[in-house]
Amino acid sequence: MLNTCEKLEINGLLSYVSSGINSMSQVTHISKTWTMLHGCPVQDCGAKVMYDISSLKTHWAEKHEKMVVTFQCSACPFTSKRKRNVYRHYRQRHTSSQDVHDDSTQPVGHVNYQPNNGFIDPHPFTLKMLLDKCK
């Protein structure tokens, strides 16, 4: 028996509840009814609406991968899972108004891989399954 999420509609609100299922055909049915507007179908995830494929991929990489990439500021110990956060941090903390157009210094220093402390097991769902549904 596989553990997954089952689509449940109550008063017009779509949610997913934990259920034991007996076949992959039931998983396939769930994946066919899912859209990004329903949020993440993974049990216990709690992510709400995702409006585009980019936000789905970012969410998946940050929550449903066992290892995550982290980006470190080239000027200090600040790290983030999102490269854009390091760029924003660098602009706000390490540049003055005259330095904004100086491309000689790269904001991102080391790129590291580490265990994902916020990992939520997505089984039996895969990112490919969800991306195929979005086509």
Protein backbone atom coordinates (compact mmCIF):
# COMPACT_ATOMS: atom_id res chain seq x y z
CA MET A 1 0.00 0.00 0.00
CA LEU A 2 1.32 3.45 -0.95
CA ASN A 3 0.85 6.53 1.24
CA THR A 4 -0.14 9.63 -0.69
CA CYS A 5 -2.65 12.43 -0.77
CA GLU A 6 -6.24 12.17 -1.85
CA LYS A 7 -8.15 15.04 -3.39
CA LEU A 8 -11.02 16.14 -1.16
CA GLU A 9 -13.44 18.93 -1.93
CA ILE A 10 -15.41 20.47 0.94
CA ASN A 11 -17.62 23.51 0.42
CA GLY A 12 -15.87 24.28 -2.85
CA LEU A 13 -12.38 24.26 -1.29
CA LEU A 14 -9.95 21.71 -2.64
CA SER A 15 -7.59 20.07 -0.19
CA TYR A 16 -5.58 16.89 0.04
CA VAL A 17 -5.81 14.38 2.84
CA SER A 18 -3.56 11.50 3.74
CA SER A 19 -4.77 8.15 2.55
CA GLY A 20 -3.49 4.68 1.94
CA ILE A 21 -3.87 3.72 -1.69
CA ASN A 22 -3.53 0.36 -3.27
CA SER A 23 -2.43 1.06 -6.83
CA MET A 24 -0.43 3.41 -9.00
CA SER A 25 -3.61 4.03 -11.02
CA GLN A 26 -4.97 5.95 -8.03
CA VAL A 27 -1.76 8.03 -7.89
CA THR A 28 -2.14 8.68 -11.63
CA HIS A 29 -5.73 9.83 -11.08
CA ILE A 30 -4.63 12.24 -8.34
CA SER A 31 -1.84 13.64 -10.53
CA LYS A 32 -4.30 14.11 -13.42
CA THR A 33 -6.66 16.21 -11.28
CA TRP A 34 -3.93 18.38 -9.75
CA THR A 35 -3.08 21.89 -10.97
CA MET A 36 -0.64 24.45 -9.57
CA LEU A 37 -3.60 26.47 -8.31
CA HIS A 38 -4.28 23.64 -5.84
CA GLY A 39 -0.88 24.10 -4.17
CA CYS A 40 1.60 21.34 -3.51
CA PRO A 41 0.01 17.85 -3.52
CA VAL A 42 2.61 16.44 -1.12
CA GLN A 43 1.21 15.44 2.25
CA ASP A 44 2.23 17.74 5.14
CA CYS A 45 3.81 20.30 2.78
CA GLY A 46 1.27 23.08 3.16
CA ALA A 47 2.49 25.14 0.19
CA LYS A 48 -0.41 27.09 -1.24
CA VAL A 49 -0.99 28.29 -4.80
CA MET A 50 1.87 28.27 -7.30
CA TYR A 51 1.22 30.56 -10.25
CA ASP A 52 3.87 29.39 -12.70
CA ILE A 53 6.27 26.56 -13.45
CA SER A 54 9.23 28.56 -12.15
CA SER A 55 7.68 28.87 -8.68
CA LEU A 56 6.84 25.15 -8.72
CA LYS A 57 10.46 24.25 -9.57
CA THR A 58 11.81 26.60 -6.88
CA HIS A 59 9.42 25.18 -4.29
CA TRP A 60 10.33 21.60 -5.24
CA ALA A 61 14.08 22.28 -5.06
CA GLU A 62 13.77 23.92 -1.63
CA LYS A 63 11.34 21.49 0.01
CA HIS A 64 11.37 18.13 -1.76
CA GLU A 65 15.04 17.50 -2.60
CA LYS A 66 17.26 15.82 0.01
CA MET A 67 20.19 18.08 -0.85
CA VAL A 68 19.90 21.81 -1.48
CA VAL A 69 22.23 24.34 -3.04
CA THR A 70 23.14 27.37 -0.94
CA PHE A 71 24.78 30.53 -2.21
CA GLN A 72 27.20 32.51 -0.05
CA CYS A 73 27.92 36.22 -0.26
CA SER A 74 31.43 36.91 -1.55
CA ALA A 75 31.96 39.60 1.12
CA CYS A 76 30.56 38.00 4.29
CA PRO A 77 29.13 34.73 5.75
CA PHE A 78 25.53 35.42 4.58
CA THR A 79 23.99 32.43 2.78
CA SER A 80 20.66 31.75 1.10
CA LYS A 81 18.97 29.00 -0.91
CA ARG A 82 18.11 31.66 -3.48
CA LYS A 83 20.77 33.38 -5.57
CA ARG A 84 18.60 36.48 -5.99
CA ASN A 85 18.56 36.93 -2.20
CA VAL A 86 22.38 37.00 -2.17
CA TYR A 87 22.40 39.59 -4.97
CA ARG A 88 19.90 41.76 -3.06
CA HIS A 89 21.86 41.32 0.19
CA TYR A 90 25.10 42.28 -1.55
CA ARG A 91 23.56 45.40 -3.12
CA GLN A 92 22.05 46.52 0.19
CA ARG A 93 24.98 45.72 2.50
CA HIS A 94 28.16 45.92 0.48
CA THR A 95 27.75 48.59 -2.20
CA SER A 96 27.39 52.33 -2.19
CA SER A 97 25.48 54.25 -4.86
CA GLN A 98 28.66 54.78 -6.94
CA ASP A 99 29.52 51.04 -6.80
CA VAL A 100 26.20 49.90 -8.28
CA HIS A 101 27.55 49.81 -11.85
CA ASP A 102 30.87 48.15 -10.93
CA ASP A 103 30.81 44.63 -12.36
CA SER A 104 34.32 43.71 -11.17
CA THR A 105 33.05 42.13 -7.92
CA GLN A 106 30.74 39.13 -8.04
CA PRO A 107 28.11 39.03 -5.25
CA VAL A 108 27.99 35.22 -5.06
CA GLY A 109 31.07 33.56 -3.60
CA HIS A 110 30.88 29.86 -2.75
CA VAL A 111 28.09 27.60 -3.92
CA ASN A 112 27.57 24.72 -1.51
CA TYR A 113 25.40 21.62 -1.36
CA GLN A 114 24.10 20.54 2.01
CA PRO A 115 21.38 18.33 3.49
CA ASN A 116 17.96 19.97 3.33
CA ASN A 117 16.83 20.57 6.91
CA GLY A 118 13.32 21.40 5.68
CA PHE A 119 13.02 18.25 3.52
CA ILE A 120 9.50 16.87 3.10
CA ASP A 121 9.39 13.48 1.36
CA PRO A 122 7.32 13.87 -1.83
CA HIS A 123 6.71 10.13 -2.38
CA PRO A 124 4.93 9.00 -4.55
CA PHE A 125 4.96 12.31 -6.46
CA THR A 126 7.86 13.46 -8.62
CA LEU A 127 8.64 16.84 -10.09
CA LYS A 128 8.47 15.30 -13.57
CA MET A 129 4.96 14.02 -12.84
CA LEU A 130 3.81 17.52 -11.85
CA LEU A 131 5.58 19.26 -14.74
CA ASP A 132 3.99 16.84 -17.21
CA LYS A 133 0.62 17.76 -15.72
CA CYS A 134 1.35 21.47 -16.32
CA LYS A 135 1.88 21.02 -20.08
